[in-house]
Protein backbone atom coordinates (compact mmCIF):
# COMPACT_ATOMS: atom_id res chain seq x y z
CA MET A 1 163.09 160.85 105.66
CA SER A 2 166.37 159.72 107.60
CA LYS A 3 167.04 157.17 110.41
CA ILE A 4 167.82 160.08 112.46
CA GLN A 5 164.64 162.49 111.58
CA GLY A 6 162.60 159.30 111.99
CA GLU A 7 163.66 159.62 115.32
CA TYR A 8 163.69 162.76 115.79
CA ALA A 9 159.77 162.96 115.15
CA ARG A 10 159.39 160.01 117.92
CA PHE A 11 161.19 161.87 120.37
CA LEU A 12 158.98 164.74 119.66
CA GLU A 13 155.85 163.04 120.14
CA ASP A 14 156.99 161.35 123.15
CA PHE A 15 157.74 165.12 124.42
CA MET A 16 154.64 166.05 123.53
CA LEU A 17 153.05 163.23 126.24
CA LEU A 18 155.77 164.39 128.85
CA THR A 19 154.76 167.99 128.36
CA GLY A 20 151.37 167.16 128.54
CA ARG A 21 152.01 165.24 131.91
CA VAL A 22 153.91 168.24 133.54
CA VAL A 23 150.92 170.50 132.50
CA GLU A 24 148.68 168.13 134.20
CA PHE A 25 150.55 168.05 137.14
CA LYS A 26 150.77 171.45 137.71
CA LEU A 27 147.20 172.33 136.98
CA SER A 28 145.36 169.90 139.13
CA ARG A 29 147.98 171.08 142.14
CA PHE A 30 146.74 174.59 141.00
CA ARG A 31 142.87 173.21 141.18
CA LYS A 32 143.10 171.81 144.31
CA ILE A 33 144.83 174.83 145.81
CA ALA A 34 142.54 177.23 144.09
CA ARG A 35 139.71 175.74 146.07
CA ASN A 36 140.86 176.50 149.53
CA ILE A 37 142.45 180.21 149.44
CA LYS A 38 141.21 182.27 151.93
CA PRO A 39 140.30 186.04 150.44
CA ASN A 40 142.98 187.70 152.44
CA GLY A 41 145.40 185.00 152.01
CA ASP A 42 148.41 184.87 149.62
CA ALA A 43 147.24 183.89 146.48
CA PHE A 44 150.44 183.69 144.81
CA LYS A 45 152.62 182.40 147.99
CA ALA A 46 149.85 179.38 147.89
CA ILE A 47 149.81 178.61 144.56
CA THR A 48 153.61 178.74 143.47
CA GLN A 49 155.13 175.85 144.53
CA PRO A 50 158.50 175.78 142.00
CA ASN A 51 159.90 173.31 144.46
CA ASP A 52 157.64 170.18 144.08
CA GLN A 53 157.39 171.15 140.26
CA VAL A 54 161.01 171.47 139.64
CA THR A 55 161.34 167.77 140.86
CA TYR A 56 158.48 166.63 139.06
CA ILE A 57 159.71 167.86 135.91
CA ILE A 58 163.52 166.47 136.80
CA ASP A 59 161.81 163.00 137.39
CA GLN A 60 159.77 163.23 134.39
CA SER A 61 162.95 163.88 132.11
CA LEU A 62 165.10 161.51 133.49
CA ALA A 63 162.78 158.53 132.87
CA TRP A 64 162.21 160.21 129.35
CA ILE A 65 165.46 160.24 128.57
CA ARG A 66 166.60 156.77 129.85
CA GLN A 67 163.97 155.63 127.72
CA SER A 68 164.44 157.54 124.35
CA PHE A 69 168.44 157.41 124.80
CA ASP A 70 168.39 153.91 126.16
CA LEU A 71 170.18 154.46 129.72
CA ASN A 72 169.88 152.67 133.13
CA GLU A 73 169.82 154.80 136.50
CA GLU A 74 173.64 154.49 137.20
CA GLN A 75 173.79 156.15 133.49
CA LEU A 76 171.92 159.74 133.68
CA SER A 77 172.00 162.71 136.45
CA ILE A 78 170.70 165.92 136.27
CA THR A 79 171.81 168.95 138.80
CA ILE A 80 170.80 172.08 139.24
CA ILE A 81 173.92 174.45 140.61
CA GLN A 82 172.65 177.59 142.63
CA ILE A 83 175.13 180.50 142.32
CA ARG A 84 174.80 183.47 144.51
CA ASP A 85 177.00 186.79 145.56
CA GLY A 86 178.80 187.25 142.48
CA GLY A 87 180.07 184.04 142.01
CA SER A 88 181.39 183.31 145.74
CA LYS A 89 178.41 180.99 146.68
CA ALA A 90 177.65 177.92 144.45
CA PHE A 91 175.51 174.92 145.88
CA TYR A 92 173.30 172.09 144.47
CA ALA A 93 169.77 173.30 144.48
CA PHE A 94 168.42 169.99 143.03
CA GLU A 95 170.07 166.95 142.38
CA GLU A 96 168.95 163.52 140.82
CA PRO A 97 169.75 160.30 141.79
CA GLN A 98 170.06 162.15 145.15
CA GLY A 99 172.87 160.18 147.61
CA TRP A 100 175.53 160.59 144.67
CA ASN A 101 179.02 161.33 145.68
CA ARG A 102 179.41 164.63 143.57
CA THR A 103 181.99 167.02 143.04
CA LYS A 104 181.05 169.65 145.31
CA ALA A 105 179.39 172.40 143.07
CA LYS A 106 181.80 175.18 144.32
CA SER A 107 184.95 173.39 143.43
CA ILE A 108 183.15 172.78 139.53
CA MET A 109 182.37 176.59 139.64
CA SER A 110 186.17 177.69 139.84
CA SER A 111 187.60 174.65 137.58
CA ASP A 112 187.49 174.36 133.69
CA SER A 113 184.26 172.55 134.08
CA ALA A 114 181.01 172.64 131.31
CA ALA A 115 179.19 174.14 133.84
CA SER A 116 181.24 177.18 134.65
CA LEU A 117 182.09 177.46 130.75
CA CYS A 118 178.62 177.75 130.68
CA ALA A 119 178.05 180.62 133.18
CA SER A 120 180.58 182.78 132.18
CA SER A 121 179.42 182.35 128.45
CA GLY A 122 175.71 182.73 129.45
CA GLU A 123 175.05 180.51 126.41
CA PRO A 124 173.84 176.51 126.80
CA ILE A 125 176.99 174.23 126.09
CA PHE A 126 176.81 170.42 124.85
CA TYR A 127 179.86 167.88 124.78
CA ALA A 128 178.77 165.14 122.90
CA ASP A 129 182.13 163.77 124.40
CA LYS A 130 182.77 164.76 127.81
CA LYS A 131 186.43 163.05 127.61
CA ARG A 132 187.51 164.82 124.25
CA ALA A 133 186.08 167.84 126.21
CA ALA A 134 188.41 167.48 129.35
CA LYS A 135 191.73 166.75 126.99
CA ASN A 136 190.66 170.46 125.46
CA SER A 137 190.47 172.09 129.27
CA LYS A 138 186.67 172.03 128.54
CA TYR A 139 185.55 169.35 131.54
CA HIS A 140 186.51 168.13 134.87
CA MET A 141 186.59 164.45 135.11
CA SER A 142 184.98 163.64 137.97
CA SER A 143 185.73 160.25 139.96
CA ARG A 144 182.69 159.00 138.03
CA ASP A 145 183.81 159.93 135.02
CA ASN A 146 187.01 158.16 134.78
CA GLU A 147 184.94 154.74 136.05
CA ARG A 148 182.42 155.38 133.13
CA LYS A 149 185.02 156.33 130.44
CA ILE A 150 182.64 158.03 128.41
CA GLY A 151 179.84 160.28 128.39
CA SER A 152 177.95 163.55 127.43
CA ILE A 153 176.84 166.96 129.02
CA TYR A 154 174.63 169.58 128.40
CA CYS A 155 174.62 172.71 130.33
CA TYR A 156 171.65 175.42 130.13
CA PRO A 157 172.33 178.86 132.16
CA THR A 158 169.33 180.73 133.62
CA VAL A 159 169.53 184.00 134.75
CA VAL A 160 166.48 185.86 136.98
CA GLU A 161 167.35 189.64 137.89
CA LEU A 162 165.62 191.01 140.78
CA PRO A 163 165.54 193.91 142.99
CA GLY A 164 168.65 194.40 144.73
CA LYS A 165 170.02 190.81 144.00
CA THR A 166 170.67 188.25 140.67
CA GLU A 167 169.94 184.62 141.17
CA LYS A 168 171.65 182.45 138.60
CA PHE A 169 171.31 178.56 138.02
CA ILE A 170 173.22 176.03 135.79
CA ILE A 171 171.00 172.99 134.46
CA SER A 172 173.11 170.01 133.97
CA ILE A 173 172.20 166.87 132.23
CA THR A 174 174.88 164.29 132.02
CA THR A 175 175.33 160.53 131.05
CA TYR A 176 178.13 158.23 131.92
CA GLY A 177 179.16 155.01 130.45
CA LYS A 178 176.95 155.95 126.92
CA LEU A 179 177.37 158.86 124.62
CA LEU A 180 173.77 160.76 123.40
CA CYS A 181 175.51 161.06 120.20
CA GLN A 182 178.67 160.34 118.29
CA PRO A 183 180.78 163.81 118.28
CA SER A 184 181.19 163.50 114.52
CA ASP A 185 177.40 162.76 113.90
CA ASP A 186 176.28 167.07 113.17
CA GLU A 187 172.70 165.94 112.77
CA ALA A 188 171.95 164.01 115.87
CA SER A 189 174.09 166.20 117.74
CA GLY A 190 171.78 169.25 116.89
CA ILE A 191 168.69 166.89 117.67
CA ALA A 192 169.90 166.21 121.14
CA GLN A 193 170.66 169.65 122.11
CA SER A 194 167.49 170.92 120.70
CA ILE A 195 165.76 168.09 123.22
CA LEU A 196 167.74 168.88 126.23
CA ARG A 197 167.42 172.20 125.44
CA GLU A 198 162.95 172.18 125.49
CA LEU A 199 163.88 169.96 128.72
CA CYS A 200 165.59 172.74 130.53
CA ARG A 201 163.64 175.75 129.55
CA ARG A 202 160.33 174.06 131.37
CA ILE A 203 162.74 173.93 134.19
CA GLU A 204 163.88 177.34 133.66
CA LEU A 205 160.26 178.49 133.93
CA GLU A 206 159.76 177.29 137.32
CA LEU A 207 163.43 178.57 138.84
CA THR A 208 162.37 181.78 137.94
CA LEU A 209 159.54 181.63 139.76
CA ARG A 210 161.45 179.82 142.68
CA ALA A 211 163.50 182.60 142.77
CA VAL A 212 161.12 185.01 142.55
CA ARG A 213 159.27 183.48 145.90
CA GLN A 214 162.58 183.10 147.58
CA TRP A 215 163.11 187.04 147.01
CA LYS A 216 159.71 187.71 148.31
CA PHE A 217 159.31 185.89 151.14
CA GLY A 218 163.09 185.76 152.14
CA GLU A 219 163.27 181.72 151.81
CA GLN A 220 166.62 180.19 151.31
């Protein structure tokens, strides 16, 4: 077994533990709420709390990625941009760490950015080297990018078709000052994308529930 394969096996073991924590968090909340549901109450509204679940998954994912790729708190960010009205509205539905001075979501979606390309293609995008992608007009370098010089980004699209409307989300996992893998290492790049995709898929499930809840109850 190669070193990369050995590391991937370890990542999978750690990822199973992370998934277990996410499931346990949700199951515990379901059980607690189920005990207090009223016969005439709305069970769906009571049980589905996707905002809490997305926040929990993001927090757990940040901690896991930092540990797995040896990153500090200032080197990793996860954001979710929500897109509405055919792209005329774009805003951060979730962003961690909070308090960062970020490029406005609408500016990102209207520029040659990874998130914009991800939204238009409908496919995940991974750039092991953001600086190289920027030179090819495929990534928008922020002030933080310019300060930290190097980094990687993975963008994952989520589209929820609802009666009369469509909700779109772009999940972005971004590193600053450190690459997740070398751009020339195809095996490591494939592993990194596989890991990040699975994290995003768990977030995608909750974003779908969030969109349905917002549509059903007129929430924003």
